[in-house]
C-alpha atoms as a PDB file:
ATOM      1  CA  MET A   1     114.198 131.140 126.654  1.00  0.00           C
ATOM      2  CA  PRO A   2     111.621 133.466 124.964  1.00  0.00           C
ATOM      3  CA  ALA A   3     113.124 135.306 121.841  1.00  0.00           C
ATOM      4  CA  ALA A   4     112.563 138.596 123.529  1.00  0.00           C
ATOM      5  CA  GLY A   5     114.482 137.637 126.583  1.00  0.00           C
ATOM      6  CA  GLY A   6     113.452 136.429 130.132  1.00  0.00           C
ATOM      7  CA  THR A   7     113.708 133.528 132.191  1.00  0.00           C
ATOM      8  CA  PRO A   8     114.832 130.170 130.673  1.00  0.00           C
ATOM      9  CA  ALA A   9     112.539 127.212 131.126  1.00  0.00           C
ATOM     10  CA  PRO A  10     113.393 123.546 130.544  1.00  0.00           C
ATOM     11  CA  VAL A  11     111.704 122.198 127.431  1.00  0.00           C
ATOM     12  CA  THR A  12     112.098 118.357 128.542  1.00  0.00           C
ATOM     13  CA  THR A  13     112.194 116.836 131.928  1.00  0.00           C
ATOM     14  CA  HIS A  14     113.162 113.252 132.887  1.00  0.00           C
ATOM     15  CA  SER A  15     111.994 112.795 136.519  1.00  0.00           C
ATOM     16  CA  GLU A  16     109.417 110.086 135.669  1.00  0.00           C
ATOM     17  CA  LYS A  17     111.670 108.301 133.598  1.00  0.00           C
ATOM     18  CA  GLU A  18     114.654 108.476 136.129  1.00  0.00           C
ATOM     19  CA  ALA A  19     112.772 105.734 138.094  1.00  0.00           C
ATOM     20  CA  ALA A  20     112.998 103.390 135.026  1.00  0.00           C
ATOM     21  CA  GLY A  21     116.827 104.239 134.968  1.00  0.00           C
ATOM     22  CA  ALA A  22     116.629 107.180 132.352  1.00  0.00           C
ATOM     23  CA  PHE A  23     118.842 109.925 133.018  1.00  0.00           C
ATOM     24  CA  SER A  24     119.619 111.908 129.724  1.00  0.00           C
ATOM     25  CA  ASN A  25     117.879 114.061 127.449  1.00  0.00           C
ATOM     26  CA  ARG A  26     120.127 115.302 124.332  1.00  0.00           C
ATOM     27  CA  TRP A  27     120.593 116.158 120.830  1.00  0.00           C
ATOM     28  CA  PRO A  28     117.404 118.120 120.114  1.00  0.00           C
ATOM     29  CA  GLU A  29     116.379 118.549 116.710  1.00  0.00           C
ATOM     30  CA  PHE A  30     113.636 120.673 115.443  1.00  0.00           C
ATOM     31  CA  LEU A  31     111.115 119.256 113.101  1.00  0.00           C
ATOM     32  CA  PRO A  32     109.977 121.457 109.904  1.00  0.00           C
ATOM     33  CA  ASP A  33     107.245 123.230 111.881  1.00  0.00           C
ATOM     34  CA  GLY A  34     109.697 125.007 114.164  1.00  0.00           C
ATOM     35  CA  LYS A  35     107.711 123.982 117.293  1.00  0.00           C
ATOM     36  CA  HIS A  36     108.082 120.299 117.701  1.00  0.00           C
ATOM     37  CA  PHE A  37     111.479 118.643 118.321  1.00  0.00           C
ATOM     38  CA  LEU A  38     113.138 115.096 118.448  1.00  0.00           C
ATOM     39  CA  TYR A  39     115.575 114.214 121.142  1.00  0.00           C
ATOM     40  CA  LEU A  40     117.374 111.214 122.342  1.00  0.00           C
ATOM     41  CA  SER A  41     116.335 110.325 125.971  1.00  0.00           C
ATOM     42  CA  GLY A  42     117.226 107.419 128.348  1.00  0.00           C
ATOM     43  CA  ASP A  43     119.950 105.351 129.789  1.00  0.00           C
ATOM     44  CA  LEU A  44     123.073 105.937 127.536  1.00  0.00           C
ATOM     45  CA  SER A  45     124.451 102.540 128.912  1.00  0.00           C
ATOM     46  CA  ALA A  46     121.268 100.565 127.588  1.00  0.00           C
ATOM     47  CA  PRO A  47     121.652 100.349 123.814  1.00  0.00           C
ATOM     48  CA  GLY A  48     119.281  98.161 121.944  1.00  0.00           C
ATOM     49  CA  THR A  49     116.492  98.435 124.506  1.00  0.00           C
ATOM     50  CA  LYS A  50     113.544 100.635 125.085  1.00  0.00           C
ATOM     51  CA  LYS A  51     115.493 102.331 127.884  1.00  0.00           C
ATOM     52  CA  LEU A  52     117.059 104.382 125.145  1.00  0.00           C
ATOM     53  CA  GLY A  53     114.969 105.901 122.382  1.00  0.00           C
ATOM     54  CA  ILE A  54     113.690 108.980 120.479  1.00  0.00           C
ATOM     55  CA  TYR A  55     110.896 111.203 121.726  1.00  0.00           C
ATOM     56  CA  VAL A  56     109.147 114.109 120.415  1.00  0.00           C
ATOM     57  CA  GLY A  57     108.551 117.337 122.490  1.00  0.00           C
ATOM     58  CA  ALA A  58     107.010 120.751 121.822  1.00  0.00           C
ATOM     59  CA  ILE A  59     108.163 124.232 122.779  1.00  0.00           C
ATOM     60  CA  GLY A  60     105.969 125.696 125.219  1.00  0.00           C
ATOM     61  CA  THR A  61     104.545 122.504 126.636  1.00  0.00           C
ATOM     62  CA  ASN A  62     105.494 119.528 128.736  1.00  0.00           C
ATOM     63  CA  GLU A  63     104.443 117.338 125.904  1.00  0.00           C
ATOM     64  CA  GLU A  64     106.775 114.359 125.313  1.00  0.00           C
ATOM     65  CA  LYS A  65     105.922 111.246 123.372  1.00  0.00           C
ATOM     66  CA  PHE A  66     108.101 108.005 122.689  1.00  0.00           C
ATOM     67  CA  LEU A  67     108.630 107.277 119.073  1.00  0.00           C
ATOM     68  CA  LEU A  68     111.005 104.517 118.649  1.00  0.00           C
ATOM     69  CA  GLN A  69     114.014 102.755 120.180  1.00  0.00           C
ATOM     70  CA  ALA A  70     117.268 103.990 118.783  1.00  0.00           C
ATOM     71  CA  ASP A  71     121.100 104.077 120.068  1.00  0.00           C
ATOM     72  CA  SER A  72     121.586 107.658 118.718  1.00  0.00           C
ATOM     73  CA  ASP A  73     119.969 110.777 117.983  1.00  0.00           C
ATOM     74  CA  ALA A  74     117.605 110.949 115.235  1.00  0.00           C
ATOM     75  CA  LEU A  75     117.221 113.333 112.100  1.00  0.00           C
ATOM     76  CA  TYR A  76     114.223 114.212 110.055  1.00  0.00           C
ATOM     77  CA  SER A  77     114.700 113.807 106.212  1.00  0.00           C
ATOM     78  CA  PRO A  78     112.282 115.183 103.734  1.00  0.00           C
ATOM     79  CA  PRO A  79     109.800 114.136 102.348  1.00  0.00           C
ATOM     80  CA  GLY A  80     109.044 112.247 105.540  1.00  0.00           C
ATOM     81  CA  TYR A  81     111.492 109.901 107.143  1.00  0.00           C
ATOM     82  CA  LEU A  82     113.525 109.605 110.414  1.00  0.00           C
ATOM     83  CA  LEU A  83     116.986 108.384 110.328  1.00  0.00           C
ATOM     84  CA  PHE A  84     118.690 107.018 113.586  1.00  0.00           C
ATOM     85  CA  LEU A  85     121.209 104.347 114.549  1.00  0.00           C
ATOM     86  CA  ARG A  86     120.605 100.842 115.800  1.00  0.00           C
ATOM     87  CA  GLY A  87     123.789  99.385 116.653  1.00  0.00           C
ATOM     88  CA  ASP A  88     125.931 100.519 113.814  1.00  0.00           C
ATOM     89  CA  THR A  89     123.372 100.417 111.390  1.00  0.00           C
ATOM     90  CA  LEU A  90     121.746 103.648 109.960  1.00  0.00           C
ATOM     91  CA  MET A  91     118.085 102.958 110.038  1.00  0.00           C
ATOM     92  CA  GLY A  92     115.061 104.731 108.532  1.00  0.00           C
ATOM     93  CA  GLN A  93     111.523 104.857 109.043  1.00  0.00           C
ATOM     94  CA  ARG A  94     108.519 106.834 107.501  1.00  0.00           C
ATOM     95  CA  PHE A  95     107.527 109.556 109.826  1.00  0.00           C
ATOM     96  CA  ASP A  96     104.484 112.000 109.489  1.00  0.00           C
ATOM     97  CA  ALA A  97     105.945 115.319 110.903  1.00  0.00           C
ATOM     98  CA  GLY A  98     102.536 116.756 111.164  1.00  0.00           C
ATOM     99  CA  SER A  99     101.019 114.063 113.474  1.00  0.00           C
ATOM    100  CA  GLN A 100     104.399 113.164 114.922  1.00  0.00           C
ATOM    101  CA  LYS A 101     103.757 109.391 114.173  1.00  0.00           C
ATOM    102  CA  VAL A 102     106.020 106.679 112.809  1.00  0.00           C
ATOM    103  CA  GLU A 103     104.757 104.627 109.946  1.00  0.00           C
ATOM    104  CA  GLY A 104     105.530 101.188 108.439  1.00  0.00           C
ATOM    105  CA  GLU A 105     108.633  99.195 109.167  1.00  0.00           C
ATOM    106  CA  VAL A 106     112.135 100.252 109.875  1.00  0.00           C
ATOM    107  CA  PHE A 107     114.617  99.624 107.179  1.00  0.00           C
ATOM    108  CA  PRO A 108     118.501  99.736 106.899  1.00  0.00           C
ATOM    109  CA  VAL A 109     120.116 102.563 105.057  1.00  0.00           C
ATOM    110  CA  ALA A 110     123.831 102.200 105.681  1.00  0.00           C
ATOM    111  CA  GLU A 111     126.078  99.631 107.721  1.00  0.00           C
ATOM    112  CA  HIS A 112     129.031 100.527 110.105  1.00  0.00           C
ATOM    113  CA  VAL A 113     128.044 104.079 110.927  1.00  0.00           C
ATOM    114  CA  GLY A 114     129.802 105.604 113.816  1.00  0.00           C
ATOM    115  CA  SER A 115     128.523 106.927 117.172  1.00  0.00           C
ATOM    116  CA  PRO A 116     130.886 107.231 120.097  1.00  0.00           C
ATOM    117  CA  ALA A 117     129.114 105.425 123.157  1.00  0.00           C
ATOM    118  CA  GLN A 118     129.796 108.057 125.588  1.00  0.00           C
ATOM    119  CA  PHE A 119     127.709 110.738 123.354  1.00  0.00           C
ATOM    120  CA  ARG A 120     125.296 108.334 121.321  1.00  0.00           C
ATOM    121  CA  LEU A 121     125.538 111.206 118.675  1.00  0.00           C
ATOM    122  CA  GLY A 122     125.481 109.378 115.176  1.00  0.00           C
ATOM    123  CA  LEU A 123     128.119 110.473 112.648  1.00  0.00           C
ATOM    124  CA  PHE A 124     125.727 111.127 110.109  1.00  0.00           C
ATOM    125  CA  SER A 125     123.645 114.307 108.801  1.00  0.00           C
ATOM    126  CA  VAL A 126     121.074 114.724 106.106  1.00  0.00           C
ATOM    127  CA  SER A 127     119.923 118.106 104.366  1.00  0.00           C
ATOM    128  CA  ARG A 128     116.533 119.255 103.463  1.00  0.00           C
ATOM    129  CA  THR A 129     117.397 117.941  99.869  1.00  0.00           C
ATOM    130  CA  GLY A 130     117.840 114.616 101.129  1.00  0.00           C
ATOM    131  CA  LEU A 131     121.566 114.511 100.699  1.00  0.00           C
ATOM    132  CA  LEU A 132     123.102 112.152 103.145  1.00  0.00           C
ATOM    133  CA  LEU A 133     126.573 112.328 104.930  1.00  0.00           C
ATOM    134  CA  TYR A 134     127.859 109.597 107.431  1.00  0.00           C
ATOM    135  CA  GLY A 135     131.118 108.635 108.808  1.00  0.00           C
ATOM    136  CA  GLY A 136     132.261 104.995 109.519  1.00  0.00           C
ATOM    137  CA  SER A 137     132.345 103.295 112.734  1.00  0.00           C
ATOM    138  CA  GLY A 138     136.130 103.309 112.491  1.00  0.00           C
ATOM    139  CA  GLY A 139     135.393 107.048 112.474  1.00  0.00           C
ATOM    140  CA  ALA A 140     137.091 110.017 110.999  1.00  0.00           C
ATOM    141  CA  SER A 141     138.045 110.670 114.412  1.00  0.00           C
ATOM    142  CA  ALA A 142     140.357 107.860 114.000  1.00  0.00           C
ATOM    143  CA  GLY A 143     142.200 109.424 111.204  1.00  0.00           C
ATOM    144  CA  GLY A 144     139.483 108.563 108.479  1.00  0.00           C
ATOM    145  CA  GLN A 145     138.708 110.629 105.294  1.00  0.00           C
ATOM    146  CA  LEU A 146     135.209 111.825 104.343  1.00  0.00           C
ATOM    147  CA  VAL A 147     134.615 111.466 100.856  1.00  0.00           C
ATOM    148  CA  TRP A 148     131.650 112.313  98.401  1.00  0.00           C
ATOM    149  CA  VAL A 149     129.926 109.483  96.792  1.00  0.00           C
ATOM    150  CA  ASP A 150     127.394 109.728  94.072  1.00  0.00           C
ATOM    151  CA  GLU A 151     123.971 107.893  93.940  1.00  0.00           C
ATOM    152  CA  ASN A 152     125.610 104.816  92.313  1.00  0.00           C
ATOM    153  CA  GLY A 153     128.392 104.485  95.176  1.00  0.00           C
ATOM    154  CA  LYS A 154     131.296 106.012  93.217  1.00  0.00           C
ATOM    155  CA  GLU A 155     133.529 108.231  94.971  1.00  0.00           C
ATOM    156  CA  THR A 156     133.695 111.912  93.473  1.00  0.00           C
ATOM    157  CA  GLY A 157     136.082 113.636  95.789  1.00  0.00           C
ATOM    158  CA  LYS A 158     137.351 114.237  99.376  1.00  0.00           C
ATOM    159  CA  GLY A 159     135.011 115.874 102.039  1.00  0.00           C
ATOM    160  CA  GLY A 160     137.595 117.984 103.686  1.00  0.00           C
ATOM    161  CA  PRO A 161     140.882 116.844 105.553  1.00  0.00           C
ATOM    162  CA  ALA A 162     141.494 113.590 107.137  1.00  0.00           C
ATOM    163  CA  GLY A 163     140.358 113.336 110.859  1.00  0.00           C
ATOM    164  CA  GLY A 164     137.209 115.399 110.789  1.00  0.00           C
ATOM    165  CA  PHE A 165     134.343 114.111 113.121  1.00  0.00           C
ATOM    166  CA  PHE A 166     130.765 114.766 113.992  1.00  0.00           C
ATOM    167  CA  PRO A 167     129.816 115.881 110.342  1.00  0.00           C
ATOM    168  CA  ARG A 168     126.761 118.000 109.741  1.00  0.00           C
ATOM    169  CA  LEU A 169     125.336 119.138 106.462  1.00  0.00           C
ATOM    170  CA  SER A 170     123.820 122.597 105.741  1.00  0.00           C
ATOM    171  CA  GLN A 171     119.911 122.436 105.236  1.00  0.00           C
ATOM    172  CA  ASP A 172     120.435 123.020 101.454  1.00  0.00           C
ATOM    173  CA  GLY A 173     123.162 120.288 101.188  1.00  0.00           C
ATOM    174  CA  LYS A 174     125.766 122.745  99.572  1.00  0.00           C
ATOM    175  CA  SER A 175     128.212 122.875 102.579  1.00  0.00           C
ATOM    176  CA  GLY A 176     129.058 121.054 105.736  1.00  0.00           C
ATOM    177  CA  ALA A 177     130.876 121.404 109.095  1.00  0.00           C
ATOM    178  CA  PHE A 178     132.627 118.849 111.221  1.00  0.00           C
ATOM    179  CA  GLY A 179     135.108 118.864 114.149  1.00  0.00           C
ATOM    180  CA  THR A 180     138.693 119.601 113.883  1.00  0.00           C
ATOM    181  CA  ASN A 181     139.222 123.298 114.074  1.00  0.00           C
ATOM    182  CA  ALA A 182     135.597 124.008 113.016  1.00  0.00           C
ATOM    183  CA  TRP A 183     136.494 123.358 109.361  1.00  0.00           C
ATOM    184  CA  LEU A 184     133.715 124.452 106.813  1.00  0.00           C
ATOM    185  CA  ALA A 185     133.531 123.202 103.193  1.00  0.00           C
ATOM    186  CA  ASP A 186     131.436 124.046 100.142  1.00  0.00           C
END
């Protein structure tokens, strides 16, 4: 919808992909230019296949481009990476946000990261500073506890009350939010 108001218009479609089994576009995430965005599109029951993947679109156009196979949403991490799940492994891949092209090989970042199958929203978040937050595949929604860990893997503190889910970091990495009564923490 235009900022000044008016008629809403779809920014993605999936009619052509429906013939191939795709039926869902979800979890949009803007790229740094504020015009292009990433989103998960495809058959949510087909993880591990090219029937479910990350696309890039642009506001004000019908542009959509397949980037890569993924089993969850994708997030952009400066200075130029995409983070996404394949199975329960958080993966990274170089990404040029200007040209909207992936580069190089996919590499593992963390193991046993959660993503409820019915949502395909990964339990991970990244700030513009590169600070990474993720929940295990047992999930904080199963009563787990988010913890802060330093770059050496040492636990440095609790990340809010037990039972939080769908964690997200602020862009500056200084605060976060997650489910369970919309709790917010510095």
